[in-house]
C-alpha atoms as a PDB file:
ATOM      1  CA  UNK A   1      12.584   4.924  25.711  1.00  0.00           C
ATOM      2  CA  UNK A   2      11.169   5.451  22.382  1.00  0.00           C
ATOM      3  CA  UNK A   3       9.608   2.018  22.266  1.00  0.00           C
ATOM      4  CA  UNK A   4       7.406   3.048  25.116  1.00  0.00           C
ATOM      5  CA  UNK A   5       5.890   5.919  23.335  1.00  0.00           C
ATOM      6  CA  UNK A   6       2.609   5.467  21.547  1.00  0.00           C
ATOM      7  CA  UNK A   7       3.721   6.745  18.131  1.00  0.00           C
ATOM      8  CA  UNK A   8       6.854   4.220  18.143  1.00  0.00           C
ATOM      9  CA  UNK A   9       6.515   0.612  17.252  1.00  0.00           C
ATOM     10  CA  UNK A  10       8.472  -1.974  19.298  1.00  0.00           C
ATOM     11  CA  UNK A  11      12.171  -2.111  18.946  1.00  0.00           C
ATOM     12  CA  UNK A  12      12.692  -5.648  17.936  1.00  0.00           C
ATOM     13  CA  UNK A  13      15.907  -5.650  15.813  1.00  0.00           C
ATOM     14  CA  UNK A  14      19.561  -4.417  15.877  1.00  0.00           C
ATOM     15  CA  UNK A  15      18.547  -1.495  13.640  1.00  0.00           C
ATOM     16  CA  UNK A  16      15.737  -0.148  15.543  1.00  0.00           C
ATOM     17  CA  UNK A  17      17.665   1.739  18.354  1.00  0.00           C
ATOM     18  CA  UNK A  18      19.905   3.505  15.957  1.00  0.00           C
ATOM     19  CA  UNK A  19      17.151   4.385  13.433  1.00  0.00           C
ATOM     20  CA  UNK A  20      15.013   5.653  16.373  1.00  0.00           C
ATOM     21  CA  UNK A  21      17.881   7.694  17.875  1.00  0.00           C
ATOM     22  CA  UNK A  22      18.523   9.338  14.377  1.00  0.00           C
ATOM     23  CA  UNK A  23      14.609   9.986  13.959  1.00  0.00           C
ATOM     24  CA  UNK A  24      14.543  11.554  17.481  1.00  0.00           C
ATOM     25  CA  UNK A  25      17.588  13.685  16.674  1.00  0.00           C
ATOM     26  CA  UNK A  26      15.947  15.101  13.464  1.00  0.00           C
ATOM     27  CA  UNK A  27      12.509  15.764  15.277  1.00  0.00           C
ATOM     28  CA  UNK A  28      14.293  17.563  18.149  1.00  0.00           C
ATOM     29  CA  UNK A  29      16.353  19.741  15.788  1.00  0.00           C
ATOM     30  CA  UNK A  30      13.196  20.483  13.628  1.00  0.00           C
ATOM     31  CA  UNK A  31      11.104  21.253  16.745  1.00  0.00           C
ATOM     32  CA  UNK A  32      13.855  23.589  18.234  1.00  0.00           C
ATOM     33  CA  UNK A  33      14.133  25.654  15.181  1.00  0.00           C
ATOM     34  CA  UNK A  34      10.302  25.602  14.464  1.00  0.00           C
ATOM     35  CA  UNK A  35       9.712  27.096  17.998  1.00  0.00           C
ATOM     36  CA  UNK A  36      12.768  29.402  17.950  1.00  0.00           C
ATOM     37  CA  UNK A  37      11.900  30.873  14.580  1.00  0.00           C
ATOM     38  CA  UNK A  38       8.137  31.267  15.382  1.00  0.00           C
ATOM     39  CA  UNK A  39       9.042  32.827  18.694  1.00  0.00           C
ATOM     40  CA  UNK A  40      11.276  35.265  17.045  1.00  0.00           C
ATOM     41  CA  UNK A  41       8.628  36.209  14.550  1.00  0.00           C
ATOM     42  CA  UNK A  42       6.096  36.952  17.119  1.00  0.00           C
ATOM     43  CA  UNK A  43       8.620  38.868  19.278  1.00  0.00           C
ATOM     44  CA  UNK A  44       9.822  41.055  16.373  1.00  0.00           C
ATOM     45  CA  UNK A  45       6.247  41.609  15.330  1.00  0.00           C
ATOM     46  CA  UNK A  46       5.458  43.290  18.435  1.00  0.00           C
ATOM     47  CA  UNK A  47       8.824  45.053  19.179  1.00  0.00           C
ATOM     48  CA  UNK A  48       9.271  46.561  15.804  1.00  0.00           C
ATOM     49  CA  UNK A  49       5.711  47.339  14.806  1.00  0.00           C
ATOM     50  CA  UNK A  50       4.885  50.897  13.726  1.00  0.00           C
ATOM     51  CA  UNK A  51       3.844  52.806  16.767  1.00  0.00           C
ATOM     52  CA  UNK A  52       2.379  55.969  14.843  1.00  0.00           C
ATOM     53  CA  UNK A  53       1.172  56.522  11.384  1.00  0.00           C
ATOM     54  CA  UNK A  54       4.113  58.918  10.333  1.00  0.00           C
ATOM     55  CA  UNK A  55       6.742  56.745  11.685  1.00  0.00           C
ATOM     56  CA  UNK A  56       9.479  55.833   9.223  1.00  0.00           C
ATOM     57  CA  UNK A  57      11.837  52.792   9.603  1.00  0.00           C
ATOM     58  CA  UNK A  58      15.545  53.353   9.634  1.00  0.00           C
ATOM     59  CA  UNK A  59      18.058  51.197   7.643  1.00  0.00           C
ATOM     60  CA  UNK A  60      19.677  48.187   9.305  1.00  0.00           C
ATOM     61  CA  UNK A  61      23.152  47.070   8.315  1.00  0.00           C
ATOM     62  CA  UNK A  62      24.314  43.541   8.278  1.00  0.00           C
ATOM     63  CA  UNK A  63      26.320  41.880  10.976  1.00  0.00           C
ATOM     64  CA  UNK A  64      28.946  39.369   9.562  1.00  0.00           C
ATOM     65  CA  UNK A  65      28.912  37.444  12.868  1.00  0.00           C
ATOM     66  CA  UNK A  66      25.235  36.931  12.530  1.00  0.00           C
ATOM     67  CA  UNK A  67      25.520  35.928   8.888  1.00  0.00           C
ATOM     68  CA  UNK A  68      28.315  33.488   9.737  1.00  0.00           C
ATOM     69  CA  UNK A  69      26.253  31.970  12.514  1.00  0.00           C
ATOM     70  CA  UNK A  70      23.374  30.952  10.477  1.00  0.00           C
ATOM     71  CA  UNK A  71      25.540  29.545   7.845  1.00  0.00           C
ATOM     72  CA  UNK A  72      27.869  27.581  10.010  1.00  0.00           C
ATOM     73  CA  UNK A  73      25.091  26.153  12.432  1.00  0.00           C
ATOM     74  CA  UNK A  74      22.808  24.755   9.648  1.00  0.00           C
ATOM     75  CA  UNK A  75      25.817  23.510   7.718  1.00  0.00           C
ATOM     76  CA  UNK A  76      27.096  21.619  10.812  1.00  0.00           C
ATOM     77  CA  UNK A  77      23.645  20.240  11.624  1.00  0.00           C
ATOM     78  CA  UNK A  78      23.058  19.042   7.973  1.00  0.00           C
ATOM     79  CA  UNK A  79      26.455  17.332   7.901  1.00  0.00           C
ATOM     80  CA  UNK A  80      25.915  15.574  11.160  1.00  0.00           C
ATOM     81  CA  UNK A  81      22.364  14.435   9.932  1.00  0.00           C
ATOM     82  CA  UNK A  82      24.041  13.127   6.698  1.00  0.00           C
ATOM     83  CA  UNK A  83      27.005  11.504   8.412  1.00  0.00           C
ATOM     84  CA  UNK A  84      24.689   9.717  11.008  1.00  0.00           C
ATOM     85  CA  UNK A  85      22.231   8.610   8.348  1.00  0.00           C
ATOM     86  CA  UNK A  86      25.141   7.357   6.038  1.00  0.00           C
ATOM     87  CA  UNK A  87      26.495   5.217   8.945  1.00  0.00           C
ATOM     88  CA  UNK A  88      23.180   3.590   9.637  1.00  0.00           C
ATOM     89  CA  UNK A  89      22.489   3.008   5.860  1.00  0.00           C
ATOM     90  CA  UNK A  90      25.982   1.517   5.105  1.00  0.00           C
ATOM     91  CA  UNK A  91      25.388  -0.931   8.028  1.00  0.00           C
ATOM     92  CA  UNK A  92      21.953  -1.801   6.558  1.00  0.00           C
ATOM     93  CA  UNK A  93      23.260  -2.426   3.151  1.00  0.00           C
ATOM     94  CA  UNK A  94      26.253  -4.520   4.065  1.00  0.00           C
ATOM     95  CA  UNK A  95      25.083  -7.977   5.440  1.00  0.00           C
ATOM     96  CA  UNK A  96      27.453 -10.134   7.639  1.00  0.00           C
ATOM     97  CA  UNK A  97      28.974 -13.150   5.853  1.00  0.00           C
ATOM     98  CA  UNK A  98      27.293 -15.821   8.005  1.00  0.00           C
ATOM     99  CA  UNK A  99      23.556 -15.141   7.490  1.00  0.00           C
ATOM    100  CA  UNK A 100      20.495 -17.229   7.508  1.00  0.00           C
ATOM    101  CA  UNK A 101      19.298 -16.791   3.983  1.00  0.00           C
ATOM    102  CA  UNK A 102      15.527 -16.970   3.534  1.00  0.00           C
ATOM    103  CA  UNK A 103      13.863 -16.488   0.033  1.00  0.00           C
ATOM    104  CA  UNK A 104      10.958 -13.990  -0.173  1.00  0.00           C
ATOM    105  CA  UNK A 105       8.744 -13.703  -3.294  1.00  0.00           C
ATOM    106  CA  UNK A 106       6.069 -11.115  -3.727  1.00  0.00           C
ATOM    107  CA  UNK A 107       3.053 -11.420  -5.861  1.00  0.00           C
ATOM    108  CA  UNK A 108      -0.357  -9.903  -6.166  1.00  0.00           C
ATOM    109  CA  UNK A 109      -1.368  -9.881  -3.348  1.00  0.00           C
ATOM    110  CA  UNK A 110       0.671 -12.352  -1.116  1.00  0.00           C
ATOM    111  CA  UNK A 111       4.140 -13.171   0.124  1.00  0.00           C
ATOM    112  CA  UNK A 112       5.647 -16.492  -0.544  1.00  0.00           C
ATOM    113  CA  UNK A 113       8.578 -17.336   1.792  1.00  0.00           C
ATOM    114  CA  UNK A 114      10.822 -20.377   1.749  1.00  0.00           C
ATOM    115  CA  UNK A 115      13.117 -21.391   4.689  1.00  0.00           C
ATOM    116  CA  UNK A 116      16.663 -22.781   3.892  1.00  0.00           C
ATOM    117  CA  UNK A 117      15.464 -26.350   4.436  1.00  0.00           C
ATOM    118  CA  UNK A 118      12.572 -25.874   1.879  1.00  0.00           C
ATOM    119  CA  UNK A 119       9.807 -25.198   4.371  1.00  0.00           C
ATOM    120  CA  UNK A 120       7.378 -22.909   2.783  1.00  0.00           C
ATOM    121  CA  UNK A 121       5.199 -20.110   4.236  1.00  0.00           C
ATOM    122  CA  UNK A 122       2.588 -17.857   3.025  1.00  0.00           C
ATOM    123  CA  UNK A 123       2.374 -14.346   4.468  1.00  0.00           C
ATOM    124  CA  UNK A 124       4.398 -15.793   7.567  1.00  0.00           C
ATOM    125  CA  UNK A 125       7.967 -15.613   8.416  1.00  0.00           C
ATOM    126  CA  UNK A 126       9.599 -17.438  11.328  1.00  0.00           C
ATOM    127  CA  UNK A 127      13.190 -16.276  12.354  1.00  0.00           C
ATOM    128  CA  UNK A 128      15.341 -17.191  15.541  1.00  0.00           C
ATOM    129  CA  UNK A 129      16.225 -14.443  17.860  1.00  0.00           C
ATOM    130  CA  UNK A 130      19.853 -13.161  17.910  1.00  0.00           C
ATOM    131  CA  UNK A 131      20.665 -14.597  14.342  1.00  0.00           C
ATOM    132  CA  UNK A 132      21.614 -12.434  11.488  1.00  0.00           C
ATOM    133  CA  UNK A 133      19.018 -13.032   8.819  1.00  0.00           C
ATOM    134  CA  UNK A 134      19.147 -12.106   4.995  1.00  0.00           C
ATOM    135  CA  UNK A 135      16.037 -11.960   2.812  1.00  0.00           C
ATOM    136  CA  UNK A 136      16.693 -12.671  -0.767  1.00  0.00           C
ATOM    137  CA  UNK A 137      13.708 -10.990  -2.538  1.00  0.00           C
ATOM    138  CA  UNK A 138      12.057 -10.998  -5.956  1.00  0.00           C
ATOM    139  CA  UNK A 139       8.682 -10.182  -7.429  1.00  0.00           C
ATOM    140  CA  UNK A 140       6.560 -12.145  -9.974  1.00  0.00           C
ATOM    141  CA  UNK A 141       4.532  -9.209 -11.213  1.00  0.00           C
ATOM    142  CA  UNK A 142       4.892  -5.581 -10.101  1.00  0.00           C
ATOM    143  CA  UNK A 143       6.910  -3.700  -7.543  1.00  0.00           C
ATOM    144  CA  UNK A 144       6.335  -4.523  -4.015  1.00  0.00           C
ATOM    145  CA  UNK A 145       7.991  -3.483  -0.766  1.00  0.00           C
ATOM    146  CA  UNK A 146       8.749  -5.565   2.162  1.00  0.00           C
ATOM    147  CA  UNK A 147       8.429  -3.446   5.476  1.00  0.00           C
ATOM    148  CA  UNK A 148       8.665  -4.493   9.103  1.00  0.00           C
ATOM    149  CA  UNK A 149       8.161  -1.488  11.295  1.00  0.00           C
ATOM    150  CA  UNK A 150       9.271  -3.201  14.558  1.00  0.00           C
ATOM    151  CA  UNK A 151      12.614  -4.065  12.918  1.00  0.00           C
ATOM    152  CA  UNK A 152      12.806  -0.676  11.074  1.00  0.00           C
ATOM    153  CA  UNK A 153      13.748  -2.203   7.811  1.00  0.00           C
ATOM    154  CA  UNK A 154      12.119  -2.084   4.430  1.00  0.00           C
ATOM    155  CA  UNK A 155      13.241  -2.843   0.940  1.00  0.00           C
ATOM    156  CA  UNK A 156      11.687  -2.778  -2.633  1.00  0.00           C
ATOM    157  CA  UNK A 157      10.893  -5.955  -4.277  1.00  0.00           C
ATOM    158  CA  UNK A 158      11.384  -5.523  -8.076  1.00  0.00           C
ATOM    159  CA  UNK A 159      10.403  -7.815 -10.808  1.00  0.00           C
ATOM    160  CA  UNK A 160      13.420  -9.093 -12.817  1.00  0.00           C
ATOM    161  CA  UNK A 161      15.892  -8.122 -10.075  1.00  0.00           C
ATOM    162  CA  UNK A 162      17.082  -9.408  -6.730  1.00  0.00           C
ATOM    163  CA  UNK A 163      17.009  -7.194  -3.741  1.00  0.00           C
ATOM    164  CA  UNK A 164      18.431  -8.192  -0.357  1.00  0.00           C
ATOM    165  CA  UNK A 165      18.180  -6.822   3.195  1.00  0.00           C
ATOM    166  CA  UNK A 166      19.334  -8.126   6.580  1.00  0.00           C
ATOM    167  CA  UNK A 167      18.489  -7.710  10.180  1.00  0.00           C
ATOM    168  CA  UNK A 168      19.054  -9.392  13.588  1.00  0.00           C
ATOM    169  CA  UNK A 169      15.919  -9.914  15.581  1.00  0.00           C
ATOM    170  CA  UNK A 170      16.507  -8.839  19.240  1.00  0.00           C
ATOM    171  CA  UNK A 171      13.177  -9.490  20.817  1.00  0.00           C
ATOM    172  CA  UNK A 172      10.818 -12.649  20.799  1.00  0.00           C
ATOM    173  CA  UNK A 173       7.327 -12.053  19.673  1.00  0.00           C
ATOM    174  CA  UNK A 174       5.005 -11.559  16.705  1.00  0.00           C
ATOM    175  CA  UNK A 175       5.227  -8.471  14.439  1.00  0.00           C
ATOM    176  CA  UNK A 176       3.414  -7.200  11.547  1.00  0.00           C
ATOM    177  CA  UNK A 177       4.996  -6.744   8.076  1.00  0.00           C
ATOM    178  CA  UNK A 178       3.387  -4.891   5.115  1.00  0.00           C
ATOM    179  CA  UNK A 179       3.803  -4.271   1.455  1.00  0.00           C
ATOM    180  CA  UNK A 180       4.517  -0.385   1.561  1.00  0.00           C
ATOM    181  CA  UNK A 181       4.513   0.121  -2.239  1.00  0.00           C
ATOM    182  CA  UNK A 182       0.999   0.501  -3.925  1.00  0.00           C
ATOM    183  CA  UNK A 183       0.750  -2.732  -5.980  1.00  0.00           C
ATOM    184  CA  UNK A 184      -2.871  -2.888  -7.032  1.00  0.00           C
ATOM    185  CA  UNK A 185      -6.425  -3.258  -5.786  1.00  0.00           C
ATOM    186  CA  UNK A 186      -5.581  -5.549  -2.612  1.00  0.00           C
ATOM    187  CA  UNK A 187      -2.499  -3.690  -1.847  1.00  0.00           C
ATOM    188  CA  UNK A 188      -3.877  -2.850   1.731  1.00  0.00           C
ATOM    189  CA  UNK A 189      -4.200  -6.508   2.650  1.00  0.00           C
ATOM    190  CA  UNK A 190      -0.844  -7.687   1.379  1.00  0.00           C
ATOM    191  CA  UNK A 191       0.933  -8.257   4.681  1.00  0.00           C
ATOM    192  CA  UNK A 192       1.568 -10.858   7.393  1.00  0.00           C
ATOM    193  CA  UNK A 193       3.342 -11.681  10.559  1.00  0.00           C
ATOM    194  CA  UNK A 194       7.069 -12.120  11.508  1.00  0.00           C
ATOM    195  CA  UNK A 195       7.498 -14.564  14.445  1.00  0.00           C
ATOM    196  CA  UNK A 196      10.733 -14.287  16.313  1.00  0.00           C
ATOM    197  CA  UNK A 197      11.489 -17.395  18.349  1.00  0.00           C
ATOM    198  CA  UNK A 198      14.162 -18.770  20.584  1.00  0.00           C
ATOM    199  CA  UNK A 199      16.755 -20.707  18.579  1.00  0.00           C
ATOM    200  CA  UNK A 200      15.734 -23.992  19.951  1.00  0.00           C
ATOM    201  CA  UNK A 201      12.023 -23.227  19.264  1.00  0.00           C
ATOM    202  CA  UNK A 202      13.009 -22.363  15.763  1.00  0.00           C
ATOM    203  CA  UNK A 203      14.942 -25.585  15.123  1.00  0.00           C
ATOM    204  CA  UNK A 204      12.176 -27.522  16.406  1.00  0.00           C
ATOM    205  CA  UNK A 205       9.573 -25.697  14.247  1.00  0.00           C
ATOM    206  CA  UNK A 206      11.918 -25.960  11.221  1.00  0.00           C
ATOM    207  CA  UNK A 207      12.167 -29.805  11.766  1.00  0.00           C
ATOM    208  CA  UNK A 208       8.542 -30.007  11.315  1.00  0.00           C
ATOM    209  CA  UNK A 209       8.464 -29.317   7.686  1.00  0.00           C
ATOM    210  CA  UNK A 210       6.208 -30.985   5.343  1.00  0.00           C
ATOM    211  CA  UNK A 211       8.900 -32.742   3.361  1.00  0.00           C
ATOM    212  CA  UNK A 212       9.326 -30.031   0.647  1.00  0.00           C
ATOM    213  CA  UNK A 213      12.855 -30.223  -0.925  1.00  0.00           C
ATOM    214  CA  UNK A 214      15.263 -27.566   0.131  1.00  0.00           C
ATOM    215  CA  UNK A 215      16.208 -25.006  -2.517  1.00  0.00           C
ATOM    216  CA  UNK A 216      19.495 -26.641  -2.972  1.00  0.00           C
ATOM    217  CA  UNK A 217      17.934 -30.182  -3.530  1.00  0.00           C
ATOM    218  CA  UNK A 218      15.230 -28.633  -5.838  1.00  0.00           C
ATOM    219  CA  UNK A 219      17.840 -26.785  -7.807  1.00  0.00           C
ATOM    220  CA  UNK A 220      19.913 -29.835  -8.263  1.00  0.00           C
ATOM    221  CA  UNK A 221      16.921 -31.762  -9.571  1.00  0.00           C
ATOM    222  CA  UNK A 222      16.263 -28.871 -11.967  1.00  0.00           C
ATOM    223  CA  UNK A 223      19.799 -28.683 -13.072  1.00  0.00           C
ATOM    224  CA  UNK A 224      19.428 -32.291 -14.261  1.00  0.00           C
ATOM    225  CA  UNK A 225      15.830 -32.090 -15.636  1.00  0.00           C
ATOM    226  CA  UNK A 226      16.625 -29.017 -17.724  1.00  0.00           C
ATOM    227  CA  UNK A 227      19.657 -30.776 -19.051  1.00  0.00           C
ATOM    228  CA  UNK A 228      22.065 -28.069 -17.668  1.00  0.00           C
ATOM    229  CA  UNK A 229      24.277 -30.963 -16.569  1.00  0.00           C
ATOM    230  CA  UNK A 230      25.000 -31.927 -20.261  1.00  0.00           C
ATOM    231  CA  UNK A 231      26.895 -28.708 -20.935  1.00  0.00           C
ATOM    232  CA  UNK A 232      27.950 -27.478 -17.597  1.00  0.00           C
ATOM    233  CA  UNK A 233      30.242 -30.301 -16.751  1.00  0.00           C
ATOM    234  CA  UNK A 234      32.188 -30.019 -13.483  1.00  0.00           C
ATOM    235  CA  UNK A 235      35.598 -30.883 -15.064  1.00  0.00           C
ATOM    236  CA  UNK A 236      35.272 -27.971 -17.717  1.00  0.00           C
ATOM    237  CA  UNK A 237      35.066 -30.419 -20.698  1.00  0.00           C
ATOM    238  CA  UNK A 238      31.610 -29.298 -21.581  1.00  0.00           C
ATOM    239  CA  UNK A 239      30.190 -26.794 -24.250  1.00  0.00           C
ATOM    240  CA  UNK A 240      29.502 -24.439 -21.427  1.00  0.00           C
ATOM    241  CA  UNK A 241      31.757 -23.226 -18.505  1.00  0.00           C
ATOM    242  CA  UNK A 242      32.066 -25.170 -15.265  1.00  0.00           C
ATOM    243  CA  UNK A 243      30.064 -23.732 -12.388  1.00  0.00           C
ATOM    244  CA  UNK A 244      32.503 -25.039  -9.798  1.00  0.00           C
ATOM    245  CA  UNK A 245      33.655 -22.005  -7.635  1.00  0.00           C
ATOM    246  CA  UNK A 246      32.049 -19.490  -9.771  1.00  0.00           C
ATOM    247  CA  UNK A 247      29.489 -17.987  -7.444  1.00  0.00           C
ATOM    248  CA  UNK A 248      30.882 -14.895  -5.622  1.00  0.00           C
ATOM    249  CA  UNK A 249      33.937 -14.888  -7.936  1.00  0.00           C
ATOM    250  CA  UNK A 250      34.988 -12.719 -10.955  1.00  0.00           C
ATOM    251  CA  UNK A 251      34.351 -13.954 -14.400  1.00  0.00           C
ATOM    252  CA  UNK A 252      35.943 -12.812 -17.574  1.00  0.00           C
ATOM    253  CA  UNK A 253      33.702 -12.176 -20.503  1.00  0.00           C
ATOM    254  CA  UNK A 254      34.133 -12.517 -24.266  1.00  0.00           C
ATOM    255  CA  UNK A 255      34.208  -8.795 -24.687  1.00  0.00           C
ATOM    256  CA  UNK A 256      37.129  -8.599 -22.480  1.00  0.00           C
ATOM    257  CA  UNK A 257      35.268  -7.055 -19.532  1.00  0.00           C
ATOM    258  CA  UNK A 258      34.666  -8.821 -16.081  1.00  0.00           C
ATOM    259  CA  UNK A 259      31.632  -9.228 -13.893  1.00  0.00           C
ATOM    260  CA  UNK A 260      31.006 -10.462 -10.312  1.00  0.00           C
ATOM    261  CA  UNK A 261      29.028 -13.768 -10.365  1.00  0.00           C
ATOM    262  CA  UNK A 262      26.353 -12.665  -7.774  1.00  0.00           C
ATOM    263  CA  UNK A 263      22.580 -13.565  -7.664  1.00  0.00           C
ATOM    264  CA  UNK A 264      21.801 -10.976 -10.310  1.00  0.00           C
ATOM    265  CA  UNK A 265      24.419 -12.456 -12.802  1.00  0.00           C
ATOM    266  CA  UNK A 266      23.273 -15.885 -12.243  1.00  0.00           C
ATOM    267  CA  UNK A 267      19.546 -15.073 -12.734  1.00  0.00           C
ATOM    268  CA  UNK A 268      20.392 -13.105 -15.992  1.00  0.00           C
ATOM    269  CA  UNK A 269      22.600 -15.950 -17.252  1.00  0.00           C
ATOM    270  CA  UNK A 270      19.762 -18.436 -16.800  1.00  0.00           C
ATOM    271  CA  UNK A 271      17.024 -16.227 -18.254  1.00  0.00           C
ATOM    272  CA  UNK A 272      18.956 -14.335 -21.097  1.00  0.00           C
ATOM    273  CA  UNK A 273      22.321 -16.277 -21.474  1.00  0.00           C
ATOM    274  CA  UNK A 274      23.433 -14.364 -24.523  1.00  0.00           C
ATOM    275  CA  UNK A 275      23.703 -11.044 -22.476  1.00  0.00           C
ATOM    276  CA  UNK A 276      26.936 -11.857 -20.950  1.00  0.00           C
ATOM    277  CA  UNK A 277      29.014 -14.580 -22.776  1.00  0.00           C
ATOM    278  CA  UNK A 278      31.869 -16.141 -20.835  1.00  0.00           C
ATOM    279  CA  UNK A 279      35.367 -15.862 -22.446  1.00  0.00           C
ATOM    280  CA  UNK A 280      36.176 -18.947 -24.559  1.00  0.00           C
ATOM    281  CA  UNK A 281      32.619 -20.066 -25.148  1.00  0.00           C
ATOM    282  CA  UNK A 282      29.978 -19.675 -27.746  1.00  0.00           C
ATOM    283  CA  UNK A 283      26.475 -18.371 -27.275  1.00  0.00           C
ATOM    284  CA  UNK A 284      24.802 -21.763 -27.455  1.00  0.00           C
ATOM    285  CA  UNK A 285      22.560 -21.934 -24.248  1.00  0.00           C
ATOM    286  CA  UNK A 286      18.878 -21.414 -24.875  1.00  0.00           C
ATOM    287  CA  UNK A 287      17.000 -18.627 -22.992  1.00  0.00           C
ATOM    288  CA  UNK A 288      14.743 -19.645 -20.108  1.00  0.00           C
ATOM    289  CA  UNK A 289      12.856 -16.335 -19.939  1.00  0.00           C
ATOM    290  CA  UNK A 290       9.232 -17.224 -19.188  1.00  0.00           C
ATOM    291  CA  UNK A 291      10.004 -20.866 -18.673  1.00  0.00           C
ATOM    292  CA  UNK A 292      10.987 -20.820 -15.016  1.00  0.00           C
ATOM    293  CA  UNK A 293       9.297 -19.442 -11.936  1.00  0.00           C
ATOM    294  CA  UNK A 294      11.137 -17.167  -9.423  1.00  0.00           C
ATOM    295  CA  UNK A 295      11.033 -20.205  -7.031  1.00  0.00           C
ATOM    296  CA  UNK A 296      12.954 -22.257  -9.569  1.00  0.00           C
ATOM    297  CA  UNK A 297      15.278 -19.544 -10.362  1.00  0.00           C
ATOM    298  CA  UNK A 298      16.058 -19.329  -6.635  1.00  0.00           C
ATOM    299  CA  UNK A 299      16.535 -23.014  -6.370  1.00  0.00           C
ATOM    300  CA  UNK A 300      18.970 -23.090  -9.224  1.00  0.00           C
ATOM    301  CA  UNK A 301      20.907 -20.222  -7.606  1.00  0.00           C
ATOM    302  CA  UNK A 302      21.106 -22.111  -4.407  1.00  0.00           C
ATOM    303  CA  UNK A 303      22.463 -25.105  -6.201  1.00  0.00           C
ATOM    304  CA  UNK A 304      25.146 -23.050  -8.090  1.00  0.00           C
ATOM    305  CA  UNK A 305      26.105 -21.527  -4.677  1.00  0.00           C
ATOM    306  CA  UNK A 306      26.715 -24.797  -3.361  1.00  0.00           C
ATOM    307  CA  UNK A 307      29.295 -25.639  -5.951  1.00  0.00           C
ATOM    308  CA  UNK A 308      31.685 -23.165  -4.362  1.00  0.00           C
ATOM    309  CA  UNK A 309      33.382 -26.022  -2.582  1.00  0.00           C
ATOM    310  CA  UNK A 310      33.917 -28.206  -5.628  1.00  0.00           C
ATOM    311  CA  UNK A 311      37.366 -28.346  -7.454  1.00  0.00           C
ATOM    312  CA  UNK A 312      37.818 -25.808 -10.170  1.00  0.00           C
ATOM    313  CA  UNK A 313      38.919 -27.134 -13.560  1.00  0.00           C
ATOM    314  CA  UNK A 314      42.251 -25.908 -14.986  1.00  0.00           C
ATOM    315  CA  UNK A 315      40.840 -24.511 -18.211  1.00  0.00           C
ATOM    316  CA  UNK A 316      37.865 -23.091 -19.804  1.00  0.00           C
ATOM    317  CA  UNK A 317      35.907 -21.785 -16.714  1.00  0.00           C
ATOM    318  CA  UNK A 318      36.688 -17.977 -17.427  1.00  0.00           C
ATOM    319  CA  UNK A 319      36.947 -17.482 -13.578  1.00  0.00           C
ATOM    320  CA  UNK A 320      39.631 -14.842 -12.669  1.00  0.00           C
ATOM    321  CA  UNK A 321      38.830 -15.072  -8.902  1.00  0.00           C
ATOM    322  CA  UNK A 322      36.710 -17.552  -7.150  1.00  0.00           C
ATOM    323  CA  UNK A 323      33.983 -17.141  -4.574  1.00  0.00           C
ATOM    324  CA  UNK A 324      35.504 -19.668  -2.197  1.00  0.00           C
ATOM    325  CA  UNK A 325      35.811 -18.499   1.388  1.00  0.00           C
END
């Protein structure tokens, strides 16, 4: 019903109905109390106005029933709003396992998007209907924010950090997306279009790529070109830990602590490797801060993810648990 109202965008994702229902509840509660309180003020203004100049008011004693009522009712409504919002938020922040991962990089003042097979887009995003899609996002300069009103999803895109968000498109069509975080002079024009397609049409569109390497292939090339392969040897015999099965697992560090090998950890280990040293290894890796673009970091991460299926060496990896499914 909300999508038919002029002040609601289309409902085009799995989150839209729940977000709209919560928003409608908040609006109705606010309107109810706004009208009720205003009506009470107007009513009491006339009912208890001074009717003569020498009239003196009389003391009114409190009523515990009334006091309890306006404590319990607002508390109940507040808890209901919080609980409902928490359910929607937790669902938004926990992506399903089998998602279509698409990489998004914001820069003044454009969005660079790369599909899983390497096809690149500028200010456009093509996704299949009915498929869980996860956006892995980073910024090359300042803070941006990726916002799709029809999907009811938005997420900050922060330099030096990965953020992710997911959604499931439910309605074919073309929908606007924006940067909703002021990012400079041309912030207002930093936007584009999401095109939601039937899975068969999406597959056909994806197959018409321009021949750009997929992130995995590009990452494997970089891994060799930057001489990473000379130290990160798969069998664990190198001067650096093997990366087989590392992604998604728990890694033991030299200081005795542990860390989950997620996107943020991989990124930090590439740019500032001395920040977290794996147990049993020396801080020999050079820093690549300022030498790699966000596209290249994402490609290297995609390649490291692909090593989850490779055999894990018996010694020297520092891996307590692996990321294998």
